[in-house]
Amino acid sequence: MKKIALVILSLFIILTGCSTTKTQQISSQKQALDSQRLLQPKQVVENYFKYLNEKNKKALFTTITEWQKAPNVEWGFDIREYIKLISVNEETNPVFKVVSQKLK
Protein backbone atom coordinates (compact mmCIF):
# COMPACT_ATOMS: atom_id res chain seq x y z
CA MET A 1 0.00 0.00 0.00
CA LYS A 2 2.83 2.37 0.88
CA LYS A 3 4.55 1.65 -2.45
CA ILE A 4 1.41 2.51 -4.43
CA ALA A 5 0.95 5.74 -2.49
CA LEU A 6 4.63 6.62 -3.03
CA VAL A 7 4.36 5.96 -6.79
CA ILE A 8 1.21 8.07 -7.09
CA LEU A 9 2.80 10.89 -5.08
CA SER A 10 5.94 10.76 -7.24
CA LEU A 11 3.92 10.90 -10.47
CA PHE A 12 1.91 13.82 -9.11
CA ILE A 13 5.06 15.77 -8.25
CA ILE A 14 6.65 15.07 -11.64
CA LEU A 15 3.55 16.06 -13.60
CA THR A 16 3.02 19.21 -11.55
CA GLY A 17 6.66 20.25 -12.01
CA CYS A 18 6.55 19.72 -15.78
CA SER A 19 3.37 21.70 -16.25
CA THR A 20 4.70 24.57 -14.11
CA THR A 21 7.87 24.80 -16.21
CA LYS A 22 5.87 24.83 -19.45
CA THR A 23 3.55 27.51 -18.05
CA GLN A 24 6.54 29.67 -17.10
CA GLN A 25 8.01 29.31 -20.61
CA ILE A 26 4.73 30.31 -22.24
CA SER A 27 4.39 33.25 -19.88
CA SER A 28 7.88 34.55 -20.67
CA GLN A 29 7.25 34.19 -24.42
CA LYS A 30 4.01 36.17 -24.11
CA GLN A 31 5.83 38.89 -22.16
CA ALA A 32 8.45 39.18 -24.91
CA LEU A 33 5.76 39.48 -27.57
CA ASP A 34 3.82 42.03 -25.53
CA SER A 35 6.92 44.16 -25.08
CA GLN A 36 7.51 44.05 -28.84
CA ARG A 37 3.93 45.22 -29.48
CA LEU A 38 4.49 48.27 -27.29
CA LEU A 39 7.45 49.45 -29.34
CA GLN A 40 7.25 52.35 -31.73
CA PRO A 41 7.58 51.50 -35.45
CA LYS A 42 11.07 53.05 -35.61
CA GLN A 43 12.24 50.84 -32.74
CA VAL A 44 10.86 47.73 -34.46
CA VAL A 45 12.82 48.55 -37.63
CA GLU A 46 15.97 49.22 -35.63
CA ASN A 47 15.55 45.94 -33.74
CA TYR A 48 15.00 44.07 -37.02
CA PHE A 49 18.38 45.13 -38.37
CA LYS A 50 20.06 44.67 -35.00
CA TYR A 51 18.83 41.06 -34.79
CA LEU A 52 19.65 40.48 -38.45
CA ASN A 53 23.24 41.60 -37.83
CA GLU A 54 23.43 39.41 -34.72
CA LYS A 55 22.07 36.50 -36.81
CA ASN A 56 19.49 35.96 -34.06
CA LYS A 57 16.61 34.28 -35.90
CA LYS A 58 14.42 33.82 -32.81
CA ALA A 59 14.59 37.52 -31.88
CA LEU A 60 14.23 38.50 -35.55
CA PHE A 61 10.87 36.70 -35.62
CA THR A 62 9.54 39.14 -33.01
CA THR A 63 9.89 41.99 -35.53
CA ILE A 64 8.14 40.48 -38.56
CA THR A 65 4.61 39.36 -39.41
CA GLU A 66 3.40 35.78 -39.34
CA TRP A 67 3.34 35.30 -43.11
CA GLN A 68 7.04 36.26 -43.29
CA LYS A 69 7.96 33.39 -40.96
CA ALA A 70 7.56 30.68 -43.60
CA PRO A 71 9.86 27.69 -43.10
CA ASN A 72 11.38 28.02 -46.58
CA VAL A 73 12.70 31.59 -46.08
CA GLU A 74 16.47 31.86 -46.46
CA TRP A 75 17.80 34.64 -44.23
CA GLY A 76 21.34 34.63 -45.67
CA PHE A 77 23.03 34.73 -42.29
CA ASP A 78 26.05 32.90 -43.67
CA ILE A 79 26.69 35.38 -46.54
CA ARG A 80 25.76 38.66 -44.84
CA GLU A 81 28.33 40.41 -42.68
CA TYR A 82 26.63 43.58 -41.50
CA ILE A 83 23.92 46.02 -42.56
CA LYS A 84 24.22 49.55 -41.26
CA LEU A 85 20.92 51.34 -40.83
CA ILE A 86 21.47 55.00 -41.68
CA SER A 87 18.03 56.46 -41.03
CA VAL A 88 14.40 55.55 -40.49
CA ASN A 89 11.69 57.84 -41.85
CA GLU A 90 7.96 57.30 -41.84
CA GLU A 91 6.32 57.13 -45.26
CA THR A 92 3.63 59.80 -45.27
CA ASN A 93 2.16 59.09 -48.71
CA PRO A 94 -1.39 57.81 -48.07
CA VAL A 95 -1.19 55.38 -51.01
CA PHE A 96 1.36 53.24 -49.15
CA LYS A 97 -0.71 53.26 -45.97
CA VAL A 98 -3.75 51.93 -47.84
CA VAL A 99 -1.69 49.10 -49.35
CA SER A 100 -0.23 48.12 -45.98
CA GLN A 101 -3.71 48.06 -44.42
CA LYS A 102 -4.90 45.67 -47.15
CA LEU A 103 -1.99 43.31 -46.42
CA LYS A 104 -3.03 42.95 -42.79
PDB file of N, CA and C in Angstrom:
ATOM      1  N   MET A   1       0.816  -1.195   0.000  1.00  0.00           N
ATOM      2  CA  MET A   1       0.000   0.000   0.000  1.00  0.00           C
ATOM      3  C   MET A   1       0.862   1.262   0.000  1.00  0.00           C
ATOM      4  N   LYS A   2       1.948   1.224   0.811  1.00  0.00           N
ATOM      5  CA  LYS A   2       2.834   2.372   0.876  1.00  0.00           C
ATOM      6  C   LYS A   2       3.539   2.603  -0.463  1.00  0.00           C
ATOM      7  N   LYS A   3       3.869   1.520  -1.158  1.00  0.00           N
ATOM      8  CA  LYS A   3       4.545   1.647  -2.452  1.00  0.00           C
ATOM      9  C   LYS A   3       3.627   2.313  -3.478  1.00  0.00           C
ATOM     10  N   ILE A   4       2.371   1.933  -3.483  1.00  0.00           N
ATOM     11  CA  ILE A   4       1.412   2.514  -4.429  1.00  0.00           C
ATOM     12  C   ILE A   4       1.232   4.001  -4.145  1.00  0.00           C
ATOM     13  N   ALA A   5       1.099   4.335  -2.866  1.00  0.00           N
ATOM     14  CA  ALA A   5       0.949   5.740  -2.493  1.00  0.00           C
ATOM     15  C   ALA A   5       2.192   6.539  -2.866  1.00  0.00           C
ATOM     16  N   LEU A   6       3.361   5.952  -2.682  1.00  0.00           N
ATOM     17  CA  LEU A   6       4.628   6.618  -3.031  1.00  0.00           C
ATOM     18  C   LEU A   6       4.741   6.826  -4.536  1.00  0.00           C
ATOM     19  N   VAL A   7       4.332   5.845  -5.327  1.00  0.00           N
ATOM     20  CA  VAL A   7       4.363   5.959  -6.790  1.00  0.00           C
ATOM     21  C   VAL A   7       3.401   7.050  -7.254  1.00  0.00           C
ATOM     22  N   ILE A   8       2.202   7.060  -6.707  1.00  0.00           N
ATOM     23  CA  ILE A   8       1.213   8.074  -7.085  1.00  0.00           C
ATOM     24  C   ILE A   8       1.700   9.465  -6.708  1.00  0.00           C
ATOM     25  N   LEU A   9       2.263   9.600  -5.519  1.00  0.00           N
ATOM     26  CA  LEU A   9       2.795  10.886  -5.076  1.00  0.00           C
ATOM     27  C   LEU A   9       3.938  11.342  -5.979  1.00  0.00           C
ATOM     28  N   SER A  10       4.819  10.420  -6.354  1.00  0.00           N
ATOM     29  CA  SER A  10       5.940  10.756  -7.244  1.00  0.00           C
ATOM     30  C   SER A  10       5.449  11.223  -8.609  1.00  0.00           C
ATOM     31  N   LEU A  11       4.481  10.511  -9.175  1.00  0.00           N
ATOM     32  CA  LEU A  11       3.922  10.903 -10.465  1.00  0.00           C
ATOM     33  C   LEU A  11       3.259  12.275 -10.391  1.00  0.00           C
ATOM     34  N   PHE A  12       2.553  12.523  -9.298  1.00  0.00           N
ATOM     35  CA  PHE A  12       1.905  13.818  -9.115  1.00  0.00           C
ATOM     36  C   PHE A  12       2.936  14.947  -9.076  1.00  0.00           C
ATOM     37  N   ILE A  13       4.006  14.744  -8.364  1.00  0.00           N
ATOM     38  CA  ILE A  13       5.065  15.769  -8.255  1.00  0.00           C
ATOM     39  C   ILE A  13       5.736  15.996  -9.609  1.00  0.00           C
ATOM     40  N   ILE A  14       6.005  14.942 -10.325  1.00  0.00           N
ATOM     41  CA  ILE A  14       6.650  15.067 -11.640  1.00  0.00           C
ATOM     42  C   ILE A  14       5.746  15.807 -12.616  1.00  0.00           C
ATOM     43  N   LEU A  15       4.474  15.413 -12.671  1.00  0.00           N
ATOM     44  CA  LEU A  15       3.546  16.058 -13.603  1.00  0.00           C
ATOM     45  C   LEU A  15       3.312  17.522 -13.243  1.00  0.00           C
ATOM     46  N   THR A  16       3.218  17.827 -11.979  1.00  0.00           N
ATOM     47  CA  THR A  16       3.025  19.213 -11.554  1.00  0.00           C
ATOM     48  C   THR A  16       4.244  20.051 -11.903  1.00  0.00           C
ATOM     49  N   GLY A  17       5.428  19.522 -11.690  1.00  0.00           N
ATOM     50  CA  GLY A  17       6.661  20.246 -12.008  1.00  0.00           C
ATOM     51  C   GLY A  17       6.799  20.519 -13.496  1.00  0.00           C
ATOM     52  N   CYS A  18       6.454  19.541 -14.327  1.00  0.00           N
ATOM     53  CA  CYS A  18       6.554  19.716 -15.781  1.00  0.00           C
ATOM     54  C   CYS A  18       5.569  20.762 -16.278  1.00  0.00           C
ATOM     55  N   SER A  19       4.354  20.733 -15.774  1.00  0.00           N
ATOM     56  CA  SER A  19       3.365  21.698 -16.250  1.00  0.00           C
ATOM     57  C   SER A  19       3.711  23.104 -15.780  1.00  0.00           C
ATOM     58  N   THR A  20       4.297  23.257 -14.612  1.00  0.00           N
ATOM     59  CA  THR A  20       4.701  24.569 -14.109  1.00  0.00           C
ATOM     60  C   THR A  20       5.808  25.147 -14.974  1.00  0.00           C
ATOM     61  N   THR A  21       6.776  24.338 -15.358  1.00  0.00           N
ATOM     62  CA  THR A  21       7.873  24.801 -16.210  1.00  0.00           C
ATOM     63  C   THR A  21       7.341  25.250 -17.557  1.00  0.00           C
ATOM     64  N   LYS A  22       6.446  24.481 -18.147  1.00  0.00           N
ATOM     65  CA  LYS A  22       5.871  24.828 -19.449  1.00  0.00           C
ATOM     66  C   LYS A  22       5.075  26.123 -19.340  1.00  0.00           C
ATOM     67  N   THR A  23       4.323  26.296 -18.259  1.00  0.00           N
ATOM     68  CA  THR A  23       3.549  27.514 -18.050  1.00  0.00           C
ATOM     69  C   THR A  23       4.467  28.720 -17.938  1.00  0.00           C
ATOM     70  N   GLN A  24       5.584  28.575 -17.246  1.00  0.00           N
ATOM     71  CA  GLN A  24       6.538  29.675 -17.102  1.00  0.00           C
ATOM     72  C   GLN A  24       7.154  30.041 -18.447  1.00  0.00           C
ATOM     73  N   GLN A  25       7.455  29.046 -19.284  1.00  0.00           N
ATOM     74  CA  GLN A  25       8.011  29.315 -20.609  1.00  0.00           C
ATOM     75  C   GLN A  25       7.009  30.066 -21.468  1.00  0.00           C
ATOM     76  N   ILE A  26       5.766  29.641 -21.458  1.00  0.00           N
ATOM     77  CA  ILE A  26       4.731  30.306 -22.245  1.00  0.00           C
ATOM     78  C   ILE A  26       4.542  31.734 -21.755  1.00  0.00           C
ATOM     79  N   SER A  27       4.553  31.917 -20.457  1.00  0.00           N
ATOM     80  CA  SER A  27       4.389  33.246 -19.879  1.00  0.00           C
ATOM     81  C   SER A  27       5.522  34.187 -20.299  1.00  0.00           C
ATOM     82  N   SER A  28       6.751  33.700 -20.277  1.00  0.00           N
ATOM     83  CA  SER A  28       7.880  34.551 -20.672  1.00  0.00           C
ATOM     84  C   SER A  28       7.844  34.872 -22.164  1.00  0.00           C
ATOM     85  N   GLN A  29       7.374  33.926 -22.992  1.00  0.00           N
ATOM     86  CA  GLN A  29       7.245  34.190 -24.418  1.00  0.00           C
ATOM     87  C   GLN A  29       6.179  35.245 -24.677  1.00  0.00           C
ATOM     88  N   LYS A  30       5.069  35.174 -23.944  1.00  0.00           N
ATOM     89  CA  LYS A  30       4.008  36.171 -24.107  1.00  0.00           C
ATOM     90  C   LYS A  30       4.489  37.547 -23.673  1.00  0.00           C
ATOM     91  N   GLN A  31       5.287  37.610 -22.614  1.00  0.00           N
ATOM     92  CA  GLN A  31       5.827  38.892 -22.160  1.00  0.00           C
ATOM     93  C   GLN A  31       6.730  39.494 -23.226  1.00  0.00           C
ATOM     94  N   ALA A  32       7.559  38.682 -23.860  1.00  0.00           N
ATOM     95  CA  ALA A  32       8.453  39.179 -24.909  1.00  0.00           C
ATOM     96  C   ALA A  32       7.648  39.722 -26.078  1.00  0.00           C
ATOM     97  N   LEU A  33       6.592  39.011 -26.468  1.00  0.00           N
ATOM     98  CA  LEU A  33       5.762  39.483 -27.573  1.00  0.00           C
ATOM     99  C   LEU A  33       5.018  40.759 -27.204  1.00  0.00           C
ATOM    100  N   ASP A  34       4.518  40.827 -25.975  1.00  0.00           N
ATOM    101  CA  ASP A  34       3.820  42.031 -25.535  1.00  0.00           C
ATOM    102  C   ASP A  34       4.750  43.235 -25.517  1.00  0.00           C
ATOM    103  N   SER A  35       5.981  43.032 -25.094  1.00  0.00           N
ATOM    104  CA  SER A  35       6.918  44.156 -25.075  1.00  0.00           C
ATOM    105  C   SER A  35       7.252  44.606 -26.495  1.00  0.00           C
ATOM    106  N   GLN A  36       7.269  43.675 -27.446  1.00  0.00           N
ATOM    107  CA  GLN A  36       7.510  44.049 -28.844  1.00  0.00           C
ATOM    108  C   GLN A  36       6.330  44.847 -29.391  1.00  0.00           C
ATOM    109  N   ARG A  37       5.116  44.511 -28.985  1.00  0.00           N
ATOM    110  CA  ARG A  37       3.932  45.219 -29.476  1.00  0.00           C
ATOM    111  C   ARG A  37       3.881  46.652 -28.979  1.00  0.00           C
ATOM    112  N   LEU A  38       4.511  46.935 -27.862  1.00  0.00           N
ATOM    113  CA  LEU A  38       4.486  48.268 -27.289  1.00  0.00           C
ATOM    114  C   LEU A  38       5.532  49.197 -27.906  1.00  0.00           C
ATOM    115  N   LEU A  39       6.390  48.652 -28.736  1.00  0.00           N
ATOM    116  CA  LEU A  39       7.448  49.454 -29.342  1.00  0.00           C
ATOM    117  C   LEU A  39       6.893  50.359 -30.443  1.00  0.00           C
ATOM    118  N   GLN A  40       7.563  51.449 -30.636  1.00  0.00           N
ATOM    119  CA  GLN A  40       7.247  52.353 -31.728  1.00  0.00           C
ATOM    120  C   GLN A  40       7.751  51.731 -33.033  1.00  0.00           C
ATOM    121  N   PRO A  41       7.157  52.083 -34.168  1.00  0.00           N
ATOM    122  CA  PRO A  41       7.580  51.503 -35.450  1.00  0.00           C
ATOM    123  C   PRO A  41       9.081  51.661 -35.722  1.00  0.00           C
ATOM    124  N   LYS A  42       9.632  52.816 -35.388  1.00  0.00           N
ATOM    125  CA  LYS A  42      11.065  53.047 -35.615  1.00  0.00           C
ATOM    126  C   LYS A  42      11.898  52.045 -34.816  1.00  0.00           C
ATOM    127  N   GLN A  43      11.499  51.781 -33.583  1.00  0.00           N
ATOM    128  CA  GLN A  43      12.236  50.836 -32.743  1.00  0.00           C
ATOM    129  C   GLN A  43      12.145  49.415 -33.294  1.00  0.00           C
ATOM    130  N   VAL A  44      11.007  49.058 -33.864  1.00  0.00           N
ATOM    131  CA  VAL A  44      10.860  47.726 -34.457  1.00  0.00           C
ATOM    132  C   VAL A  44      11.812  47.565 -35.638  1.00  0.00           C
ATOM    133  N   VAL A  45      11.911  48.601 -36.479  1.00  0.00           N
ATOM    134  CA  VAL A  45      12.818  48.547 -37.635  1.00  0.00           C
ATOM    135  C   VAL A  45      14.266  48.459 -37.157  1.00  0.00           C
ATOM    136  N   GLU A  46      14.605  49.260 -36.167  1.00  0.00           N
ATOM    137  CA  GLU A  46      15.973  49.223 -35.634  1.00  0.00           C
ATOM    138  C   GLU A  46      16.293  47.856 -35.044  1.00  0.00           C
ATOM    139  N   ASN A  47      15.343  47.272 -34.311  1.00  0.00           N
ATOM    140  CA  ASN A  47      15.547  45.937 -33.744  1.00  0.00           C
ATOM    141  C   ASN A  47      15.691  44.882 -34.835  1.00  0.00           C
ATOM    142  N   TYR A  48      14.919  45.027 -35.914  1.00  0.00           N
ATOM    143  CA  TYR A  48      15.004  44.067 -37.020  1.00  0.00           C
ATOM    144  C   TYR A  48      16.441  43.988 -37.554  1.00  0.00           C
ATOM    145  N   PHE A  49      17.026  45.135 -37.828  1.00  0.00           N
ATOM    146  CA  PHE A  49      18.379  45.129 -38.374  1.00  0.00           C
ATOM    147  C   PHE A  49      19.415  44.744 -37.321  1.00  0.00           C
ATOM    148  N   LYS A  50      19.159  45.076 -36.085  1.00  0.00           N
ATOM    149  CA  LYS A  50      20.059  44.667 -34.998  1.00  0.00           C
ATOM    150  C   LYS A  50      20.091  43.143 -34.909  1.00  0.00           C
ATOM    151  N   TYR A  51      18.902  42.512 -34.883  1.00  0.00           N
ATOM    152  CA  TYR A  51      18.834  41.055 -34.786  1.00  0.00           C
ATOM    153  C   TYR A  51      19.339  40.380 -36.053  1.00  0.00           C
ATOM    154  N   LEU A  52      19.132  41.016 -37.190  1.00  0.00           N
ATOM    155  CA  LEU A  52      19.649  40.479 -38.445  1.00  0.00           C
ATOM    156  C   LEU A  52      21.174  40.459 -38.422  1.00  0.00           C
ATOM    157  N   ASN A  53      21.785  41.535 -37.935  1.00  0.00           N
ATOM    158  CA  ASN A  53      23.239  41.599 -37.831  1.00  0.00           C
ATOM    159  C   ASN A  53      23.782  40.619 -36.798  1.00  0.00           C
ATOM    160  N   GLU A  54      23.017  40.379 -35.744  1.00  0.00           N
ATOM    161  CA  GLU A  54      23.426  39.415 -34.716  1.00  0.00           C
ATOM    162  C   GLU A  54      23.182  37.972 -35.163  1.00  0.00           C
ATOM    163  N   LYS A  55      22.467  37.813 -36.291  1.00  0.00           N
ATOM    164  CA  LYS A  55      22.074  36.502 -36.806  1.00  0.00           C
ATOM    165  C   LYS A  55      21.225  35.743 -35.778  1.00  0.00           C
ATOM    166  N   ASN A  56      20.363  36.491 -35.105  1.00  0.00           N
ATOM    167  CA  ASN A  56      19.492  35.959 -34.060  1.00  0.00           C
ATOM    168  C   ASN A  56      18.090  35.758 -34.647  1.00  0.00           C
ATOM    169  N   LYS A  57      17.859  34.564 -35.189  1.00  0.00           N
ATOM    170  CA  LYS A  57      16.610  34.285 -35.897  1.00  0.00           C
ATOM    171  C   LYS A  57      15.397  34.337 -34.967  1.00  0.00           C
ATOM    172  N   LYS A  58      15.535  33.836 -33.748  1.00  0.00           N
ATOM    173  CA  LYS A  58      14.416  33.820 -32.810  1.00  0.00           C
ATOM    174  C   LYS A  58      13.978  35.243 -32.463  1.00  0.00           C
ATOM    175  N   ALA A  59      14.926  36.127 -32.192  1.00  0.00           N
ATOM    176  CA  ALA A  59      14.593  37.518 -31.882  1.00  0.00           C
ATOM    177  C   ALA A  59      14.093  38.235 -33.131  1.00  0.00           C
ATOM    178  N   LEU A  60      14.649  37.892 -34.276  1.00  0.00           N
ATOM    179  CA  LEU A  60      14.232  38.502 -35.546  1.00  0.00           C
ATOM    180  C   LEU A  60      12.749  38.237 -35.803  1.00  0.00           C
ATOM    181  N   PHE A  61      12.273  37.052 -35.421  1.00  0.00           N
ATOM    182  CA  PHE A  61      10.870  36.700 -35.624  1.00  0.00           C
ATOM    183  C   PHE A  61       9.926  37.585 -34.825  1.00  0.00           C
ATOM    184  N   THR A  62      10.405  38.254 -33.791  1.00  0.00           N
ATOM    185  CA  THR A  62       9.542  39.137 -33.013  1.00  0.00           C
ATOM    186  C   THR A  62       9.305  40.465 -33.728  1.00  0.00           C
ATOM    187  N   THR A  63      10.013  40.708 -34.822  1.00  0.00           N
ATOM    188  CA  THR A  63       9.891  41.986 -35.527  1.00  0.00           C
ATOM    189  C   THR A  63       9.178  41.865 -36.867  1.00  0.00           C
ATOM    190  N   ILE A  64       8.766  40.668 -37.257  1.00  0.00           N
ATOM    191  CA  ILE A  64       8.136  40.482 -38.559  1.00  0.00           C
ATOM    192  C   ILE A  64       6.741  39.893 -38.387  1.00  0.00           C
ATOM    193  N   THR A  65       5.969  39.891 -39.461  1.00  0.00           N
ATOM    194  CA  THR A  65       4.613  39.362 -39.411  1.00  0.00           C
ATOM    195  C   THR A  65       4.624  37.847 -39.586  1.00  0.00           C
ATOM    196  N   GLU A  66       3.505  37.235 -39.284  1.00  0.00           N
ATOM    197  CA  GLU A  66       3.399  35.778 -39.336  1.00  0.00           C
ATOM    198  C   GLU A  66       3.676  35.213 -40.729  1.00  0.00           C
ATOM    199  N   TRP A  67       3.174  35.858 -41.775  1.00  0.00           N
ATOM    200  CA  TRP A  67       3.342  35.297 -43.111  1.00  0.00           C
ATOM    201  C   TRP A  67       4.788  35.380 -43.591  1.00  0.00           C
ATOM    202  N   GLN A  68       5.621  36.180 -42.938  1.00  0.00           N
ATOM    203  CA  GLN A  68       7.039  36.256 -43.291  1.00  0.00           C
ATOM    204  C   GLN A  68       7.866  35.177 -42.598  1.00  0.00           C
ATOM    205  N   LYS A  69       7.242  34.410 -41.729  1.00  0.00           N
ATOM    206  CA  LYS A  69       7.958  33.389 -40.964  1.00  0.00           C
ATOM    207  C   LYS A  69       7.873  32.007 -41.607  1.00  0.00           C
ATOM    208  N   ALA A  70       7.680  31.964 -42.893  1.00  0.00           N
ATOM    209  CA  ALA A  70       7.559  30.684 -43.599  1.00  0.00           C
ATOM    210  C   ALA A  70       8.831  29.859 -43.410  1.00  0.00           C
ATOM    211  N   PRO A  71       8.685  28.543 -43.347  1.00  0.00           N
ATOM    212  CA  PRO A  71       9.856  27.690 -43.098  1.00  0.00           C
ATOM    213  C   PRO A  71      10.869  27.678 -44.243  1.00  0.00           C
ATOM    214  N   ASN A  72      10.465  28.073 -45.437  1.00  0.00           N
ATOM    215  CA  ASN A  72      11.382  28.020 -46.577  1.00  0.00           C
ATOM    216  C   ASN A  72      12.125  29.332 -46.817  1.00  0.00           C
ATOM    217  N   VAL A  73      12.016  30.303 -45.908  1.00  0.00           N
ATOM    218  CA  VAL A  73      12.699  31.589 -46.080  1.00  0.00           C
ATOM    219  C   VAL A  73      14.181  31.425 -45.762  1.00  0.00           C
ATOM    220  N   GLU A  74      15.025  31.902 -46.655  1.00  0.00           N
ATOM    221  CA  GLU A  74      16.472  31.865 -46.456  1.00  0.00           C
ATOM    222  C   GLU A  74      16.905  33.248 -45.999  1.00  0.00           C
ATOM    223  N   TRP A  75      17.432  33.343 -44.803  1.00  0.00           N
ATOM    224  CA  TRP A  75      17.800  34.641 -44.226  1.00  0.00           C
ATOM    225  C   TRP A  75      19.185  35.102 -44.654  1.00  0.00           C
ATOM    226  N   GLY A  76      20.011  34.241 -45.184  1.00  0.00           N
ATOM    227  CA  GLY A  76      21.336  34.632 -45.666  1.00  0.00           C
ATOM    228  C   GLY A  76      22.301  35.014 -44.567  1.00  0.00           C
ATOM    229  N   PHE A  77      22.134  34.419 -43.396  1.00  0.00           N
ATOM    230  CA  PHE A  77      23.029  34.728 -42.290  1.00  0.00           C
ATOM    231  C   PHE A  77      24.483  34.398 -42.613  1.00  0.00           C
ATOM    232  N   ASP A  78      24.684  33.344 -43.393  1.00  0.00           N
ATOM    233  CA  ASP A  78      26.052  32.902 -43.673  1.00  0.00           C
ATOM    234  C   ASP A  78      26.763  33.781 -44.707  1.00  0.00           C
ATOM    235  N   ILE A  79      26.040  34.543 -45.522  1.00  0.00           N
ATOM    236  CA  ILE A  79      26.687  35.377 -46.536  1.00  0.00           C
ATOM    237  C   ILE A  79      26.676  36.863 -46.185  1.00  0.00           C
ATOM    238  N   ARG A  80      25.880  37.239 -45.210  1.00  0.00           N
ATOM    239  CA  ARG A  80      25.761  38.657 -44.837  1.00  0.00           C
ATOM    240  C   ARG A  80      26.689  38.946 -43.676  1.00  0.00           C
ATOM    241  N   GLU A  81      27.455  40.021 -43.785  1.00  0.00           N
ATOM    242  CA  GLU A  81      28.325  40.408 -42.685  1.00  0.00           C
ATOM    243  C   GLU A  81      27.652  41.410 -41.769  1.00  0.00           C
ATOM    244  N   TYR A  82      27.188  42.529 -42.334  1.00  0.00           N
ATOM    245  CA  TYR A  82      26.625  43.581 -41.501  1.00  0.00           C
ATOM    246  C   TYR A  82      25.825  44.539 -42.380  1.00  0.00           C
ATOM    247  N   ILE A  83      24.706  44.988 -41.882  1.00  0.00           N
ATOM    248  CA  ILE A  83      23.925  46.018 -42.558  1.00  0.00           C
ATOM    249  C   ILE A  83      23.827  47.201 -41.616  1.00  0.00           C
ATOM    250  N   LYS A  84      24.280  48.348 -42.085  1.00  0.00           N
ATOM    251  CA  LYS A  84      24.225  49.548 -41.264  1.00  0.00           C
ATOM    252  C   LYS A  84      22.971  50.337 -41.628  1.00  0.00           C
ATOM    253  N   LEU A  85      22.139  50.569 -40.643  1.00  0.00           N
ATOM    254  CA  LEU A  85      20.917  51.339 -40.826  1.00  0.00           C
ATOM    255  C   LEU A  85      21.274  52.813 -40.658  1.00  0.00           C
ATOM    256  N   ILE A  86      21.080  53.591 -41.711  1.00  0.00           N
ATOM    257  CA  ILE A  86      21.469  55.000 -41.679  1.00  0.00           C
ATOM    258  C   ILE A  86      20.356  55.859 -41.103  1.00  0.00           C
ATOM    259  N   SER A  87      19.144  55.663 -41.566  1.00  0.00           N
ATOM    260  CA  SER A  87      18.032  56.458 -41.031  1.00  0.00           C
ATOM    261  C   SER A  87      16.721  55.700 -41.208  1.00  0.00           C
ATOM    262  N   VAL A  88      15.736  56.112 -40.413  1.00  0.00           N
ATOM    263  CA  VAL A  88      14.396  55.548 -40.494  1.00  0.00           C
ATOM    264  C   VAL A  88      13.430  56.718 -40.567  1.00  0.00           C
ATOM    265  N   ASN A  89      12.675  56.772 -41.655  1.00  0.00           N
ATOM    266  CA  ASN A  89      11.692  57.843 -41.846  1.00  0.00           C
ATOM    267  C   ASN A  89      10.341  57.233 -42.173  1.00  0.00           C
ATOM    268  N   GLU A  90       9.310  57.792 -41.588  1.00  0.00           N
ATOM    269  CA  GLU A  90       7.964  57.305 -41.845  1.00  0.00           C
ATOM    270  C   GLU A  90       7.497  57.738 -43.232  1.00  0.00           C
ATOM    271  N   GLU A  91       6.895  56.812 -43.956  1.00  0.00           N
ATOM    272  CA  GLU A  91       6.319  57.126 -45.257  1.00  0.00           C
ATOM    273  C   GLU A  91       4.990  57.810 -45.022  1.00  0.00           C
ATOM    274  N   THR A  92       4.850  59.041 -45.516  1.00  0.00           N
ATOM    275  CA  THR A  92       3.628  59.805 -45.272  1.00  0.00           C
ATOM    276  C   THR A  92       2.653  59.777 -46.448  1.00  0.00           C
ATOM    277  N   ASN A  93       3.039  59.188 -47.559  1.00  0.00           N
ATOM    278  CA  ASN A  93       2.161  59.090 -48.709  1.00  0.00           C
ATOM    279  C   ASN A  93       0.996  58.153 -48.376  1.00  0.00           C
ATOM    280  N   PRO A  94      -0.237  58.635 -48.450  1.00  0.00           N
ATOM    281  CA  PRO A  94      -1.393  57.808 -48.071  1.00  0.00           C
ATOM    282  C   PRO A  94      -1.573  56.558 -48.930  1.00  0.00           C
ATOM    283  N   VAL A  95      -1.058  56.552 -50.141  1.00  0.00           N
ATOM    284  CA  VAL A  95      -1.187  55.376 -51.007  1.00  0.00           C
ATOM    285  C   VAL A  95      -0.521  54.165 -50.357  1.00  0.00           C
ATOM    286  N   PHE A  96       0.647  54.350 -49.773  1.00  0.00           N
ATOM    287  CA  PHE A  96       1.356  53.243 -49.145  1.00  0.00           C
ATOM    288  C   PHE A  96       0.650  52.766 -47.881  1.00  0.00           C
ATOM    289  N   LYS A  97       0.012  53.651 -47.178  1.00  0.00           N
ATOM    290  CA  LYS A  97      -0.706  53.263 -45.972  1.00  0.00           C
ATOM    291  C   LYS A  97      -1.928  52.418 -46.312  1.00  0.00           C
ATOM    292  N   VAL A  98      -2.597  52.717 -47.411  1.00  0.00           N
ATOM    293  CA  VAL A  98      -3.753  51.928 -47.838  1.00  0.00           C
ATOM    294  C   VAL A  98      -3.299  50.529 -48.214  1.00  0.00           C
ATOM    295  N   VAL A  99      -2.203  50.413 -48.932  1.00  0.00           N
ATOM    296  CA  VAL A  99      -1.693  49.101 -49.348  1.00  0.00           C
ATOM    297  C   VAL A  99      -1.310  48.279 -48.128  1.00  0.00           C
ATOM    298  N   SER A 100      -0.645  48.886 -47.152  1.00  0.00           N
ATOM    299  CA  SER A 100      -0.229  48.123 -45.977  1.00  0.00           C
ATOM    300  C   SER A 100      -1.438  47.692 -45.149  1.00  0.00           C
ATOM    301  N   GLN A 101      -2.503  48.454 -45.141  1.00  0.00           N
ATOM    302  CA  GLN A 101      -3.710  48.060 -44.421  1.00  0.00           C
ATOM    303  C   GLN A 101      -4.371  46.865 -45.088  1.00  0.00           C
ATOM    304  N   LYS A 102      -4.306  46.797 -46.420  1.00  0.00           N
ATOM    305  CA  LYS A 102      -4.899  45.665 -47.149  1.00  0.00           C
ATOM    306  C   LYS A 102      -4.126  44.378 -46.903  1.00  0.00           C
ATOM    307  N   LEU A 103      -2.807  44.489 -46.667  1.00  0.00           N
ATOM    308  CA  LEU A 103      -1.990  43.309 -46.425  1.00  0.00           C
ATOM    309  C   LEU A 103      -2.270  42.695 -45.069  1.00  0.00           C
ATOM    310  N   LYS A 104      -2.746  43.473 -44.141  1.00  0.00           N
ATOM    311  CA  LYS A 104      -3.028  42.946 -42.793  1.00  0.00           C
ATOM    312  C   LYS A 104      -4.260  42.123 -42.873  1.00  0.00           C
TER     313      LYS A 104
END
